[in-house]
Structures are given as structure tokens and as C-alpha cells.
Amino acid sequence: MSPRAKKIVRFLQSWIINTVAVLMAVIILRNHISYGDRMGNLLVASFLLGILNAFVRPILMLIALPLLIFTLGLFTLVINALLLALLTVLLPFFHITSDGVNFSFGYAFLGALIISIISIALNVLTGNARVSVQRRPPPGPPKDSGGGDGPVIDV
């Protein structure tokens, strides 16, 4: 497969994973997050969220770097919630509400947490994860220096 085709497949795979994660957040928080009646709205919302994650999120992470360091990275969830809130501003059919209030940061935070957990799980399951773990082979037996003049430590 050509490198361009691999990039397209990876993009589509990421988009599907993002769409499933947003759908699960909408299902779990069904009375508080909604995307309208059409499935096309969900696809547009997840696509735009992916675009925001690709371009706006790195800028926000750089601006919030001291807070990210201080909170050991947990402030990333607040940034994700802000991006979800930005989605409600950009798309008229995407809503995060609580008890009649037009916007609820608490439910945006919960939605971002759910989307993050489901996205991580699906990326790991599909092999689309950006982080990989490699094991090195165990070290061989120690080399004998031949002279036996050095210190010996028996454990």
C-alpha cells in the first residue's frame, strides 16, 4: 500500500473511532449532550472535533503548559472539555445542557472524559495507537574479562 493510501486509511480509522467515542458519550449522557436527529450531524461534529484536536489543541496545550506540568497532565481533560464546548459554539445542532442551562462545563468535562477513554481503548484495540511498547531482549551473560583481577560481588 502506498504511503498516501496508508495516511487516508489511518485518517478514516481515526475519524470512525472519534465518531464512535462521541456517539458513546452522547448515549451515556443522553439528557445532557445531543447532536440533533441526523447521523450526518454526528459525523460533522466528530470531524470538526478531530480538526480542533489537530490544530487548536496543540496551541492550547502550549499556552497551558505550566498548568499541565503542575497537574501532571490532568489539565488535558479541561482542554478537551473546552474543545467540546467550542463545538457547541461552532455547530448549531450540537448542545451540552444541564437543567435548562444552555451550557454546562461539568457535562462537557464528563463528555470529554468519556470520549478520551473510549478513543484510547479503541485506538489500542485497532492498533491505531500512537504509543508503542517495545521490549528489548534480555541481556546475555556477563563477559569475562579473563584476568579475574576486578572486584567480585556474589548475590
C-alpha atoms as a PDB file:
ATOM      1  CA  MET A   1       0.000   0.000   0.000  1.00  0.00           C
ATOM      2  CA  SER A   2       1.327   3.429  -0.878  1.00  0.00           C
ATOM      3  CA  PRO A   3       2.167   5.931   1.885  1.00  0.00           C
ATOM      4  CA  ARG A   4      -0.665   8.207   0.737  1.00  0.00           C
ATOM      5  CA  ALA A   5      -3.180   5.363   0.926  1.00  0.00           C
ATOM      6  CA  LYS A   6      -1.925   4.471   4.413  1.00  0.00           C
ATOM      7  CA  LYS A   7      -2.475   8.061   5.543  1.00  0.00           C
ATOM      8  CA  ILE A   8      -6.012   8.052   4.164  1.00  0.00           C
ATOM      9  CA  VAL A   9      -6.826   4.736   5.843  1.00  0.00           C
ATOM     10  CA  ARG A  10      -5.371   5.996   9.130  1.00  0.00           C
ATOM     11  CA  PHE A  11      -7.409   9.220   8.859  1.00  0.00           C
ATOM     12  CA  LEU A  12     -10.637   7.302   8.173  1.00  0.00           C
ATOM     13  CA  GLN A  13      -9.900   4.911  11.025  1.00  0.00           C
ATOM     14  CA  SER A  14      -9.319   7.832  13.401  1.00  0.00           C
ATOM     15  CA  TRP A  15     -12.494   9.537  12.230  1.00  0.00           C
ATOM     16  CA  ILE A  16     -14.567   6.385  12.795  1.00  0.00           C
ATOM     17  CA  ILE A  17     -13.046   5.919  16.254  1.00  0.00           C
ATOM     18  CA  ASN A  18     -13.744   9.563  17.108  1.00  0.00           C
ATOM     19  CA  THR A  19     -17.323   9.222  15.846  1.00  0.00           C
ATOM     20  CA  VAL A  20     -17.923   6.102  17.947  1.00  0.00           C
ATOM     21  CA  ALA A  21     -16.435   7.825  21.008  1.00  0.00           C
ATOM     22  CA  VAL A  22     -18.662  10.892  20.568  1.00  0.00           C
ATOM     23  CA  LEU A  23     -21.686   8.640  19.992  1.00  0.00           C
ATOM     24  CA  MET A  24     -20.943   6.727  23.201  1.00  0.00           C
ATOM     25  CA  ALA A  25     -20.629   9.998  25.133  1.00  0.00           C
ATOM     26  CA  VAL A  26     -23.983  11.127  23.713  1.00  0.00           C
ATOM     27  CA  ILE A  27     -25.580   7.792  24.660  1.00  0.00           C
ATOM     28  CA  ILE A  28     -24.139   7.799  28.191  1.00  0.00           C
ATOM     29  CA  LEU A  29     -25.010  11.470  28.791  1.00  0.00           C
ATOM     30  CA  ARG A  30     -28.182  11.345  26.669  1.00  0.00           C
ATOM     31  CA  ASN A  31     -30.066  14.032  28.598  1.00  0.00           C
ATOM     32  CA  HIS A  32     -27.149  16.462  28.502  1.00  0.00           C
ATOM     33  CA  ILE A  33     -25.261  16.085  25.192  1.00  0.00           C
ATOM     34  CA  SER A  34     -27.119  15.966  21.887  1.00  0.00           C
ATOM     35  CA  TYR A  35     -26.265  16.305  18.209  1.00  0.00           C
ATOM     36  CA  GLY A  36     -29.697  16.573  16.635  1.00  0.00           C
ATOM     37  CA  ASP A  37     -31.655  13.858  14.888  1.00  0.00           C
ATOM     38  CA  ARG A  38     -29.464  13.012  11.897  1.00  0.00           C
ATOM     39  CA  MET A  39     -26.422  10.764  11.798  1.00  0.00           C
ATOM     40  CA  GLY A  40     -24.814  13.276   9.433  1.00  0.00           C
ATOM     41  CA  ASN A  41     -24.732  15.756  12.296  1.00  0.00           C
ATOM     42  CA  LEU A  42     -22.732  13.286  14.364  1.00  0.00           C
ATOM     43  CA  LEU A  43     -20.273  12.750  11.516  1.00  0.00           C
ATOM     44  CA  VAL A  44     -19.825  16.509  11.080  1.00  0.00           C
ATOM     45  CA  ALA A  45     -19.398  17.018  14.838  1.00  0.00           C
ATOM     46  CA  SER A  46     -16.792  14.269  15.161  1.00  0.00           C
ATOM     47  CA  PHE A  47     -14.961  15.515  12.055  1.00  0.00           C
ATOM     48  CA  LEU A  48     -14.828  19.063  13.409  1.00  0.00           C
ATOM     49  CA  LEU A  49     -13.729  17.790  16.815  1.00  0.00           C
ATOM     50  CA  GLY A  50     -10.894  15.937  15.078  1.00  0.00           C
ATOM     51  CA  ILE A  51      -9.886  19.129  13.245  1.00  0.00           C
ATOM     52  CA  LEU A  52      -9.947  21.091  16.513  1.00  0.00           C
ATOM     53  CA  ASN A  53      -7.859  18.382  18.205  1.00  0.00           C
ATOM     54  CA  ALA A  54      -5.327  18.532  15.386  1.00  0.00           C
ATOM     55  CA  PHE A  55      -4.922  22.306  15.141  1.00  0.00           C
ATOM     56  CA  VAL A  56      -6.304  24.137  18.192  1.00  0.00           C
ATOM     57  CA  ARG A  57      -5.422  21.623  20.924  1.00  0.00           C
ATOM     58  CA  PRO A  58      -1.616  21.882  20.477  1.00  0.00           C
ATOM     59  CA  ILE A  59      -1.842  25.668  20.813  1.00  0.00           C
ATOM     60  CA  LEU A  60      -3.943  25.379  23.972  1.00  0.00           C
ATOM     61  CA  MET A  61      -1.529  22.779  25.370  1.00  0.00           C
ATOM     62  CA  LEU A  62       1.402  25.115  24.784  1.00  0.00           C
ATOM     63  CA  ILE A  63      -0.387  28.031  26.432  1.00  0.00           C
ATOM     64  CA  ALA A  64      -1.411  25.858  29.393  1.00  0.00           C
ATOM     65  CA  LEU A  65       1.976  24.139  29.740  1.00  0.00           C
ATOM     66  CA  PRO A  66       2.612  25.350  33.329  1.00  0.00           C
ATOM     67  CA  LEU A  67      -0.813  24.048  34.407  1.00  0.00           C
ATOM     68  CA  LEU A  68      -0.205  20.768  32.596  1.00  0.00           C
ATOM     69  CA  ILE A  69       3.081  20.310  34.426  1.00  0.00           C
ATOM     70  CA  PHE A  70       1.584  21.315  37.780  1.00  0.00           C
ATOM     71  CA  THR A  71      -1.376  18.922  37.408  1.00  0.00           C
ATOM     72  CA  LEU A  72       0.762  16.131  35.920  1.00  0.00           C
ATOM     73  CA  GLY A  73      -1.189  16.269  32.659  1.00  0.00           C
ATOM     74  CA  LEU A  74      -4.690  16.144  34.125  1.00  0.00           C
ATOM     75  CA  PHE A  75      -5.397  19.646  32.809  1.00  0.00           C
ATOM     76  CA  THR A  76      -5.579  17.979  29.384  1.00  0.00           C
ATOM     77  CA  LEU A  77      -9.117  16.919  30.318  1.00  0.00           C
ATOM     78  CA  VAL A  78     -10.055  20.571  30.860  1.00  0.00           C
ATOM     79  CA  ILE A  79      -8.611  21.418  27.429  1.00  0.00           C
ATOM     80  CA  ASN A  80     -10.638  18.569  25.891  1.00  0.00           C
ATOM     81  CA  ALA A  81     -13.767  19.906  27.624  1.00  0.00           C
ATOM     82  CA  LEU A  82     -13.049  23.383  26.232  1.00  0.00           C
ATOM     83  CA  LEU A  83     -12.759  21.929  22.723  1.00  0.00           C
ATOM     84  CA  LEU A  84     -16.089  20.158  23.214  1.00  0.00           C
ATOM     85  CA  ALA A  85     -17.545  23.481  24.390  1.00  0.00           C
ATOM     86  CA  LEU A  86     -16.131  25.169  21.285  1.00  0.00           C
ATOM     87  CA  LEU A  87     -18.009  22.581  19.251  1.00  0.00           C
ATOM     88  CA  THR A  88     -21.287  23.834  20.753  1.00  0.00           C
ATOM     89  CA  VAL A  89     -20.416  27.358  19.606  1.00  0.00           C
ATOM     90  CA  LEU A  90     -19.449  26.339  16.067  1.00  0.00           C
ATOM     91  CA  LEU A  91     -22.278  23.875  15.376  1.00  0.00           C
ATOM     92  CA  PRO A  92     -25.876  24.970  15.991  1.00  0.00           C
ATOM     93  CA  PHE A  93     -27.113  21.377  16.330  1.00  0.00           C
ATOM     94  CA  PHE A  94     -24.591  20.251  18.975  1.00  0.00           C
ATOM     95  CA  HIS A  95     -25.686  21.025  22.541  1.00  0.00           C
ATOM     96  CA  ILE A  96     -24.378  20.434  26.079  1.00  0.00           C
ATOM     97  CA  THR A  97     -27.097  21.340  28.568  1.00  0.00           C
ATOM     98  CA  SER A  98     -27.939  20.893  32.228  1.00  0.00           C
ATOM     99  CA  ASP A  99     -31.313  21.612  33.833  1.00  0.00           C
ATOM    100  CA  GLY A 100     -32.351  24.170  31.257  1.00  0.00           C
ATOM    101  CA  VAL A 101     -28.984  25.947  31.166  1.00  0.00           C
ATOM    102  CA  ASN A 102     -27.643  26.302  27.609  1.00  0.00           C
ATOM    103  CA  PHE A 103     -24.145  25.144  28.503  1.00  0.00           C
ATOM    104  CA  SER A 104     -22.740  23.044  31.331  1.00  0.00           C
ATOM    105  CA  PHE A 105     -18.982  22.782  31.765  1.00  0.00           C
ATOM    106  CA  GLY A 106     -19.434  19.801  34.102  1.00  0.00           C
ATOM    107  CA  TYR A 107     -21.122  17.743  31.405  1.00  0.00           C
ATOM    108  CA  ALA A 108     -18.606  18.951  28.838  1.00  0.00           C
ATOM    109  CA  PHE A 109     -15.878  17.671  31.163  1.00  0.00           C
ATOM    110  CA  LEU A 110     -17.645  14.312  31.624  1.00  0.00           C
ATOM    111  CA  GLY A 111     -18.201  14.056  27.868  1.00  0.00           C
ATOM    112  CA  ALA A 112     -14.537  14.809  27.188  1.00  0.00           C
ATOM    113  CA  LEU A 113     -13.511  12.183  29.762  1.00  0.00           C
ATOM    114  CA  ILE A 114     -15.761   9.561  28.164  1.00  0.00           C
ATOM    115  CA  ILE A 115     -14.551  10.436  24.654  1.00  0.00           C
ATOM    116  CA  SER A 116     -10.910  10.226  25.793  1.00  0.00           C
ATOM    117  CA  ILE A 117     -11.313   6.838  27.489  1.00  0.00           C
ATOM    118  CA  ILE A 118     -13.227   5.290  24.598  1.00  0.00           C
ATOM    119  CA  SER A 119     -10.831   6.748  21.999  1.00  0.00           C
ATOM    120  CA  ILE A 120      -7.798   5.389  23.834  1.00  0.00           C
ATOM    121  CA  ALA A 121      -9.395   1.957  24.188  1.00  0.00           C
ATOM    122  CA  LEU A 122     -10.444   1.768  20.530  1.00  0.00           C
ATOM    123  CA  ASN A 123      -7.079   3.043  19.293  1.00  0.00           C
ATOM    124  CA  VAL A 124      -5.288   0.372  21.304  1.00  0.00           C
ATOM    125  CA  LEU A 125      -7.689  -2.348  20.124  1.00  0.00           C
ATOM    126  CA  THR A 126      -7.340  -1.389  16.462  1.00  0.00           C
ATOM    127  CA  GLY A 127      -3.593  -0.896  16.586  1.00  0.00           C
ATOM    128  CA  ASN A 128      -4.003   2.774  15.729  1.00  0.00           C
ATOM    129  CA  ALA A 129      -2.344   3.930  18.954  1.00  0.00           C
ATOM    130  CA  ARG A 130       0.488   6.417  18.668  1.00  0.00           C
ATOM    131  CA  VAL A 131       2.371   4.919  21.579  1.00  0.00           C
ATOM    132  CA  SER A 132       4.013   1.552  21.169  1.00  0.00           C
ATOM    133  CA  VAL A 133       5.853  -0.542  23.689  1.00  0.00           C
ATOM    134  CA  GLN A 134       8.898  -2.478  22.576  1.00  0.00           C
ATOM    135  CA  ARG A 135      10.762  -4.985  24.669  1.00  0.00           C
ATOM    136  CA  ARG A 136      14.479  -5.414  24.406  1.00  0.00           C
ATOM    137  CA  PRO A 137      15.884  -8.914  24.556  1.00  0.00           C
ATOM    138  CA  PRO A 138      17.251  -9.824  27.977  1.00  0.00           C
ATOM    139  CA  PRO A 139      20.950  -9.139  28.429  1.00  0.00           C
ATOM    140  CA  GLY A 140      23.295 -12.020  27.806  1.00  0.00           C
ATOM    141  CA  PRO A 141      25.677 -13.457  30.356  1.00  0.00           C
ATOM    142  CA  PRO A 142      28.369 -11.058  31.602  1.00  0.00           C
ATOM    143  CA  LYS A 143      31.555 -11.064  29.650  1.00  0.00           C
ATOM    144  CA  ASP A 144      34.555 -12.499  31.415  1.00  0.00           C
ATOM    145  CA  SER A 145      37.456 -10.081  31.494  1.00  0.00           C
ATOM    146  CA  GLY A 146      39.820 -13.036  31.643  1.00  0.00           C
ATOM    147  CA  GLY A 147      42.087 -11.762  34.402  1.00  0.00           C
ATOM    148  CA  GLY A 148      39.846 -12.057  37.403  1.00  0.00           C
ATOM    149  CA  ASP A 149      41.593  -9.037  38.917  1.00  0.00           C
ATOM    150  CA  GLY A 150      38.433  -6.941  39.475  1.00  0.00           C
ATOM    151  CA  PRO A 151      36.061  -6.937  42.420  1.00  0.00           C
ATOM    152  CA  VAL A 152      33.620  -9.840  42.740  1.00  0.00           C
ATOM    153  CA  ILE A 153      30.130  -9.373  44.132  1.00  0.00           C
ATOM    154  CA  ASP A 154      28.156 -12.506  44.941  1.00  0.00           C
ATOM    155  CA  VAL A 155      24.462 -12.020  45.395  1.00  0.00           C
END
